[in-house]
Amino acid sequence: MKILITGANGFVGRNLCVSLPEHELLQYDIDTDPSLLDGYCKDAEFVFHLAGINRPNDPKEFIEGNVDFTSKLLETLKKHNNTCPITVSSSKQAELDNPYGKSKLAGEELLRAYSEETGARVTIYRLPNLFGKWCKPNYNSAVATFCYNIARDLPITISDPRNELTLVYIDDLIDEFKCALDGNPTEPISYKATLGQIVELLESFKDSRSTLTVPVLSDLFAKKLHATYLSYLPEDKFSYPLKMNVDERGSFTEILRTEHHGQVSVNITKPGITKGNHWHHTKNEKFLVVGGEGVIRFRRIDNSEVIVYNVSGEKLEVVDIPPGYTHNIENTGKTDLITFMWCNESFNPDKPDTIFVEV
């Protein structure tokens, strides 16, 4: 399908364009040769009208960008008797008495009149605040600005932390636009959060590099805000160091921890070295050797029988470490033994639940 997308280089347009690889996209933006619009309007089988002005130098530009261009687009479609469906991104501001809102409402009225005149299906989305990757920071999006500045240790300004926003995530909007493309428009999922809550979450995402605590991603808003925050990281700051606990036996490094699902670590054991020789009442672990050769030994603490599991990075398999069994892991190879470990709870020095007993 040939799809005309106005505002193709904007926040919504860029996300939409990369999500429609199976279609032929006629991309039009402010820097596009204006002469191309005529051919695009002739050939288009569907139109996403996303172009608009929301922060001009002169308020008169609201009319030029949100009304005059919409009028030009509709007149060009009528010139070619093209009554293909049109999906439009408007704004909740259309309900307000300000220059921007008035211009968005005027644009909506043009589209409704066009639909009544031509019979073309027009779907208008009055969108609230949007957030997600590629939104321009320090422009008109508080979330984008907060993400960008917090990721760079720059100051932020909060007018009122109690101020509540209604927010739509960009990928949810794109999914909804695809529904409109298929002729089944509904409404995108929205979330409500205060400025204070948003900043608190973003600060926790930043701090997670030192606390190693993964956000509670079962909360869909937190999950989407976390993904958004990561997209604003400086490109030379994608990586961060971990604290390696190193001694002559090798090293132990915690990778991440969660509030309810334990922690993940990596253990490196030097050749000939044995680690462990302890057991737990309730704590349990999973060991996965990804490099080297070794042996994991178990003994139930009220029994003398020793159970042996040979492990190797050549054959990836998880070994469960049940409670009540003292256990150790020995490097029997000639290279470092590398073991990823998951524990069902993050380590608490006040309640270690670790009792040292030789296997």
Protein backbone atom coordinates (compact mmCIF):
# COMPACT_ATOMS: atom_id res chain seq x y z
CA MET A 1 0.00 0.00 0.00
CA LYS A 2 1.17 3.54 -0.78
CA ILE A 3 0.91 5.58 2.42
CA LEU A 4 1.42 9.33 2.58
CA ILE A 5 2.85 10.42 5.93
CA THR A 6 3.01 14.15 6.61
CA GLY A 7 5.33 15.17 9.41
CA ALA A 8 7.39 12.07 8.62
CA ASN A 9 10.51 13.40 10.32
CA GLY A 10 8.78 14.27 13.58
CA PHE A 11 8.61 12.21 16.76
CA VAL A 12 5.48 10.27 15.78
CA GLY A 13 6.34 10.19 12.10
CA ARG A 14 9.78 8.62 12.58
CA ASN A 15 8.38 5.90 14.83
CA LEU A 16 5.56 5.22 12.39
CA CYS A 17 7.80 5.08 9.33
CA VAL A 18 10.11 2.43 10.79
CA SER A 19 7.06 0.37 11.80
CA LEU A 20 5.63 0.03 8.27
CA PRO A 21 8.43 -1.64 6.28
CA GLU A 22 5.98 -3.65 4.18
CA HIS A 23 4.42 -0.52 2.67
CA GLU A 24 5.60 2.11 0.19
CA LEU A 25 5.90 5.28 2.24
CA LEU A 26 5.48 8.72 0.69
CA GLN A 27 7.25 10.80 3.33
CA TYR A 28 6.53 14.51 3.47
CA ASP A 29 7.92 17.04 5.94
CA ILE A 30 8.75 20.71 6.23
CA ASP A 31 12.01 20.28 4.29
CA THR A 32 10.45 18.16 1.50
CA ASP A 33 10.22 19.65 -1.99
CA PRO A 34 6.65 21.10 -1.99
CA SER A 35 6.16 20.02 -5.60
CA LEU A 36 6.12 16.37 -4.46
CA LEU A 37 2.88 16.80 -2.53
CA ASP A 38 0.77 16.80 -5.70
CA GLY A 39 2.02 13.40 -6.84
CA TYR A 40 1.86 12.00 -3.33
CA CYS A 41 -1.80 13.02 -2.98
CA LYS A 42 -2.57 11.47 -6.34
CA ASP A 43 -0.97 8.11 -5.52
CA ALA A 44 -1.73 7.73 -1.81
CA GLU A 45 -4.00 4.90 -0.72
CA PHE A 46 -3.94 6.02 2.91
CA VAL A 47 -2.84 9.23 4.64
CA PHE A 48 -1.37 9.70 8.10
CA HIS A 49 -1.55 13.46 8.64
CA LEU A 50 0.93 14.07 11.47
CA ALA A 51 2.39 17.43 10.40
CA GLY A 52 1.78 20.42 12.64
CA ILE A 53 3.27 23.27 14.58
CA ASN A 54 3.25 23.24 18.37
CA ARG A 55 5.96 25.70 19.42
CA PRO A 56 6.40 28.49 16.84
CA ASN A 57 8.39 31.68 17.11
CA ASP A 58 5.27 33.60 16.10
CA PRO A 59 1.73 32.51 17.15
CA LYS A 60 0.59 33.16 13.57
CA GLU A 61 2.53 30.04 12.58
CA PHE A 62 -0.06 27.93 14.43
CA ILE A 63 -2.55 28.76 11.70
CA GLU A 64 -0.04 28.29 8.90
CA GLY A 65 1.10 24.88 10.17
CA ASN A 66 -2.09 23.43 11.63
CA VAL A 67 -4.78 24.94 9.42
CA ASP A 68 -3.34 26.23 6.15
CA PHE A 69 -1.30 23.11 5.41
CA THR A 70 -4.25 20.86 6.30
CA SER A 71 -6.36 22.86 3.86
CA LYS A 72 -3.71 22.51 1.17
CA LEU A 73 -3.47 18.76 1.75
CA LEU A 74 -7.24 18.27 1.47
CA GLU A 75 -7.55 20.46 -1.60
CA THR A 76 -4.80 18.49 -3.32
CA LEU A 77 -6.52 15.19 -2.52
CA LYS A 78 -9.81 16.58 -3.89
CA LYS A 79 -8.01 17.74 -7.03
CA HIS A 80 -7.21 14.10 -7.77
CA ASN A 81 -10.59 12.77 -6.55
CA ASN A 82 -8.64 10.76 -4.00
CA THR A 83 -10.95 9.82 -1.13
CA CYS A 84 -8.55 7.45 0.63
CA PRO A 85 -8.81 7.18 4.43
CA ILE A 86 -7.04 9.80 6.55
CA THR A 87 -5.83 9.34 10.10
CA VAL A 88 -4.93 12.54 11.91
CA SER A 89 -2.94 13.31 15.05
CA SER A 90 -4.65 16.20 16.79
CA SER A 91 -4.26 17.23 20.41
CA LYS A 92 -6.23 17.39 23.65
CA GLN A 93 -5.32 21.06 23.45
CA ALA A 94 -8.13 21.37 20.90
CA GLU A 95 -10.44 21.46 23.94
CA LEU A 96 -8.69 24.55 25.33
CA ASP A 97 -8.98 28.24 24.55
CA ASN A 98 -5.41 29.01 23.52
CA PRO A 99 -3.78 29.74 20.13
CA TYR A 100 -2.45 26.21 19.70
CA GLY A 101 -5.73 24.59 20.74
CA LYS A 102 -7.74 26.86 18.48
CA SER A 103 -5.54 25.99 15.51
CA LYS A 104 -5.86 22.23 16.16
CA LEU A 105 -9.65 22.57 16.48
CA ALA A 106 -9.81 24.53 13.23
CA GLY A 107 -7.80 21.80 11.52
CA GLU A 108 -10.20 19.15 12.87
CA GLU A 109 -13.18 21.11 11.53
CA LEU A 110 -11.62 21.21 8.08
CA LEU A 111 -11.18 17.44 8.16
CA ARG A 112 -14.73 16.78 9.33
CA ALA A 113 -16.12 19.02 6.60
CA TYR A 114 -13.93 17.24 4.04
CA SER A 115 -15.22 13.86 5.21
CA GLU A 116 -18.84 14.98 4.93
CA GLU A 117 -18.23 16.42 1.46
CA THR A 118 -16.24 13.54 -0.05
CA GLY A 119 -17.26 10.51 2.01
CA ALA A 120 -13.62 9.84 2.90
CA ARG A 121 -13.09 8.07 6.21
CA VAL A 122 -11.34 10.45 8.58
CA THR A 123 -10.11 9.30 12.00
CA ILE A 124 -9.03 12.02 14.41
CA TYR A 125 -6.98 11.24 17.51
CA ARG A 126 -6.92 13.92 20.17
CA LEU A 127 -3.67 12.93 21.79
CA PRO A 128 -2.46 13.81 25.30
CA ASN A 129 1.23 13.93 26.24
CA LEU A 130 3.31 11.41 24.30
CA PHE A 131 6.52 9.76 25.44
CA GLY A 132 9.00 7.29 24.01
CA LYS A 133 12.20 7.09 21.99
CA TRP A 134 13.22 9.93 19.65
CA CYS A 135 11.09 12.67 21.20
CA LYS A 136 12.97 15.98 21.18
CA PRO A 137 14.13 17.01 24.67
CA ASN A 138 14.00 20.57 26.00
CA TYR A 139 11.25 21.37 23.54
CA ASN A 140 7.65 20.56 24.45
CA SER A 141 7.81 17.19 26.24
CA ALA A 142 8.45 17.10 29.99
CA VAL A 143 9.24 13.36 29.88
CA ALA A 144 11.79 13.74 27.09
CA THR A 145 13.42 16.67 28.88
CA PHE A 146 13.54 14.84 32.22
CA CYS A 147 15.02 11.71 30.57
CA TYR A 148 17.66 13.65 28.67
CA ASN A 149 18.72 15.84 31.57
CA ILE A 150 18.71 13.17 34.28
CA ALA A 151 20.78 10.85 32.09
CA ARG A 152 23.37 13.65 31.80
CA ASP A 153 23.34 14.93 35.41
CA LEU A 154 21.74 18.17 34.22
CA PRO A 155 19.27 20.07 36.41
CA ILE A 156 15.53 19.76 35.86
CA THR A 157 12.70 22.11 36.78
CA ILE A 158 9.38 20.82 38.13
CA SER A 159 6.61 23.40 38.23
CA ASP A 160 4.47 21.34 40.62
CA PRO A 161 5.30 17.70 41.45
CA ARG A 162 1.58 17.08 42.09
CA ASN A 163 0.67 18.07 38.55
CA GLU A 164 -0.84 14.97 36.87
CA LEU A 165 -0.24 14.14 33.23
CA THR A 166 -2.16 11.82 30.92
CA LEU A 167 0.41 10.00 28.81
CA VAL A 168 0.43 7.72 25.77
CA TYR A 169 3.49 5.63 24.92
CA ILE A 170 4.68 5.96 21.35
CA ASP A 171 4.61 2.22 20.55
CA ASP A 172 1.03 1.97 21.84
CA LEU A 173 0.09 4.87 19.56
CA ILE A 174 1.78 3.22 16.58
CA ASP A 175 -0.11 -0.02 17.31
CA GLU A 176 -3.32 2.00 17.35
CA PHE A 177 -2.41 3.69 14.06
CA LYS A 178 -1.97 0.25 12.54
CA CYS A 179 -5.49 -0.61 13.72
CA ALA A 180 -6.72 2.53 11.97
CA LEU A 181 -4.82 1.48 8.85
CA ASP A 182 -6.73 -1.82 8.96
CA GLY A 183 -10.03 0.02 9.39
CA ASN A 184 -10.43 -0.82 13.08
CA PRO A 185 -9.59 2.34 15.05
CA THR A 186 -10.14 2.35 18.81
CA GLU A 187 -8.17 4.35 21.40
CA PRO A 188 -4.52 4.01 22.44
CA ILE A 189 -3.75 2.93 26.00
CA SER A 190 -3.11 5.89 28.30
CA TYR A 191 -1.51 6.29 31.72
CA LYS A 192 -1.76 8.89 34.46
CA ALA A 193 1.21 9.97 36.56
CA THR A 194 2.29 13.08 38.40
CA LEU A 195 5.44 14.96 37.54
CA GLY A 196 6.83 13.93 40.91
CA GLN A 197 6.16 10.23 40.26
CA ILE A 198 7.78 10.42 36.82
CA VAL A 199 10.93 12.07 38.15
CA GLU A 200 11.14 9.63 41.06
CA LEU A 201 11.03 6.70 38.64
CA LEU A 202 13.60 8.24 36.32
CA GLU A 203 15.96 8.92 39.22
CA SER A 204 15.60 5.27 40.30
CA PHE A 205 16.47 4.14 36.77
CA LYS A 206 19.61 6.25 36.89
CA ASP A 207 20.51 4.95 40.36
CA SER A 208 20.01 1.33 39.23
CA ARG A 209 23.53 1.33 37.82
CA SER A 210 24.88 1.58 41.35
CA THR A 211 22.14 -0.28 43.24
CA LEU A 212 21.89 -2.92 40.46
CA THR A 213 18.15 -3.00 41.18
CA VAL A 214 15.98 -3.74 38.15
CA PRO A 215 12.74 -1.72 37.97
CA VAL A 216 9.44 -3.47 38.70
CA LEU A 217 8.62 -4.14 35.06
CA SER A 218 5.26 -5.76 35.82
CA ASP A 219 4.09 -2.14 36.07
CA LEU A 220 3.57 -1.38 32.38
CA PHE A 221 4.01 2.37 32.74
CA ALA A 222 7.31 1.88 34.60
CA LYS A 223 8.41 -0.63 31.94
CA LYS A 224 7.71 1.82 29.11
CA LEU A 225 9.21 4.78 30.95
CA HIS A 226 12.34 2.72 31.65
CA ALA A 227 12.68 1.88 27.95
CA THR A 228 12.22 5.56 27.15
CA TYR A 229 14.89 6.62 29.66
CA LEU A 230 17.43 4.18 28.20
CA SER A 231 16.88 5.66 24.73
CA TYR A 232 18.19 9.01 26.03
CA LEU A 233 21.47 7.70 27.43
CA PRO A 234 24.54 9.45 25.98
CA GLU A 235 26.09 7.19 23.38
CA ASP A 236 29.39 7.11 25.26
CA LYS A 237 27.59 6.05 28.47
CA PHE A 238 25.87 2.83 27.41
CA SER A 239 28.24 0.77 29.58
CA TYR A 240 28.92 0.95 33.31
CA PRO A 241 31.36 -0.90 35.60
CA LEU A 242 30.46 -3.56 38.16
CA LYS A 243 32.11 -4.14 41.52
CA MET A 244 34.26 -7.26 41.19
CA ASN A 245 35.11 -9.06 44.43
CA VAL A 246 38.51 -10.48 43.52
CA ASP A 247 40.90 -12.76 45.42
CA GLU A 248 43.41 -15.49 44.58
CA ARG A 249 40.56 -17.96 43.91
CA GLY A 250 38.96 -15.84 41.17
CA SER A 251 36.13 -13.33 41.45
CA PHE A 252 32.45 -12.92 42.25
CA THR A 253 30.44 -10.12 40.69
CA GLU A 254 26.81 -9.25 41.18
CA ILE A 255 25.14 -8.21 37.91
CA LEU A 256 21.61 -7.25 38.91
CA ARG A 257 19.08 -7.64 41.67
CA THR A 258 15.30 -7.35 41.86
CA GLU A 259 12.84 -6.58 44.60
CA HIS A 260 10.93 -9.85 44.30
CA HIS A 261 12.88 -12.15 41.98
CA GLY A 262 16.34 -12.45 43.45
CA GLN A 263 19.69 -11.57 41.95
CA VAL A 264 22.01 -12.63 39.14
CA SER A 265 25.79 -12.88 39.51
CA VAL A 266 28.81 -14.25 37.69
CA ASN A 267 31.44 -16.37 39.48
CA ILE A 268 34.92 -16.98 38.06
CA THR A 269 36.93 -19.84 39.61
CA LYS A 270 40.62 -20.33 38.91
CA PRO A 271 41.95 -23.81 37.89
CA GLY A 272 42.22 -26.21 40.81
CA ILE A 273 40.14 -24.02 43.11
CA THR A 274 37.01 -25.11 44.97
CA LYS A 275 34.39 -22.58 46.10
CA GLY A 276 31.32 -22.94 48.24
CA ASN A 277 31.06 -25.64 50.93
CA HIS A 278 27.93 -24.16 52.45
CA TRP A 279 24.20 -24.79 52.57
CA HIS A 280 20.97 -22.82 52.97
CA HIS A 281 17.70 -23.30 54.86
CA THR A 282 15.44 -21.58 52.33
CA LYS A 283 17.68 -19.79 49.87
CA ASN A 284 18.08 -21.61 46.56
CA GLU A 285 20.18 -21.02 43.49
CA LYS A 286 20.67 -22.01 39.88
CA PHE A 287 24.18 -22.48 38.46
CA LEU A 288 24.96 -22.27 34.75
CA VAL A 289 28.56 -22.92 33.67
CA VAL A 290 29.28 -21.08 30.39
CA GLY A 291 33.04 -21.53 30.19
CA GLY A 292 35.59 -24.06 31.37
CA GLU A 293 35.16 -27.44 33.04
CA GLY A 294 34.20 -28.29 36.59
CA VAL A 295 32.29 -30.40 39.02
CA ILE A 296 29.47 -29.50 41.41
CA ARG A 297 29.17 -31.68 44.49
CA PHE A 298 26.21 -32.00 46.87
CA ARG A 299 25.65 -33.66 50.19
CA ARG A 300 22.48 -33.52 52.20
CA ILE A 301 23.61 -32.30 55.60
CA ASP A 302 22.07 -35.29 57.42
CA ASN A 303 23.62 -37.80 54.99
CA SER A 304 27.14 -38.92 54.02
CA GLU A 305 26.43 -39.62 50.34
CA VAL A 306 28.07 -37.15 47.92
CA ILE A 307 26.29 -36.41 44.64
CA VAL A 308 28.42 -35.29 41.68
CA TYR A 309 27.48 -33.27 38.60
CA ASN A 310 30.09 -32.67 35.90
CA VAL A 311 29.62 -29.30 34.21
CA SER A 312 31.14 -27.63 31.17
CA GLY A 313 30.73 -24.61 28.96
CA GLU A 314 30.54 -27.09 26.05
CA LYS A 315 27.15 -28.28 27.27
CA LEU A 316 24.92 -25.60 28.75
CA GLU A 317 22.69 -26.95 31.48
CA VAL A 318 21.28 -25.43 34.64
CA VAL A 319 22.00 -27.10 37.96
CA ASP A 320 19.53 -26.39 40.78
CA ILE A 321 20.99 -25.89 44.26
CA PRO A 322 18.25 -27.05 46.65
CA PRO A 323 18.01 -26.01 50.32
CA GLY A 324 19.41 -28.49 52.85
CA TYR A 325 22.33 -29.61 50.67
CA THR A 326 25.84 -28.38 51.32
CA HIS A 327 27.50 -27.83 47.95
CA ASN A 328 30.66 -26.68 46.25
CA ILE A 329 31.98 -26.10 42.76
CA GLU A 330 35.52 -27.08 41.68
CA ASN A 331 37.39 -26.00 38.57
CA THR A 332 38.81 -29.22 37.13
CA GLY A 333 39.98 -27.67 33.87
CA LYS A 334 42.97 -25.61 32.74
CA THR A 335 41.11 -22.34 32.12
CA ASP A 336 38.85 -20.15 34.24
CA LEU A 337 35.53 -21.73 35.19
CA ILE A 338 32.80 -19.16 34.46
CA THR A 339 29.45 -19.70 36.19
CA PHE A 340 26.34 -17.57 36.02
CA MET A 341 24.33 -17.80 39.22
CA TRP A 342 20.74 -16.89 40.02
CA CYS A 343 19.59 -16.75 43.64
CA ASN A 344 15.92 -16.53 44.60
CA GLU A 345 16.61 -13.60 46.93
CA SER A 346 19.03 -10.70 46.90
CA PHE A 347 21.81 -11.08 49.43
CA ASN A 348 20.98 -9.60 52.82
CA PRO A 349 24.02 -9.49 55.17
CA ASP A 350 21.68 -9.35 58.16
CA LYS A 351 20.02 -12.62 57.12
CA PRO A 352 22.55 -14.45 54.95
CA ASP A 353 21.00 -17.93 55.36
CA THR A 354 24.42 -19.42 54.56
CA ILE A 355 25.96 -22.07 56.81
CA PHE A 356 29.50 -23.26 56.05
CA VAL A 357 29.87 -27.06 56.07
CA GLU A 358 32.33 -29.12 53.99
CA VAL A 359 30.74 -31.35 51.36
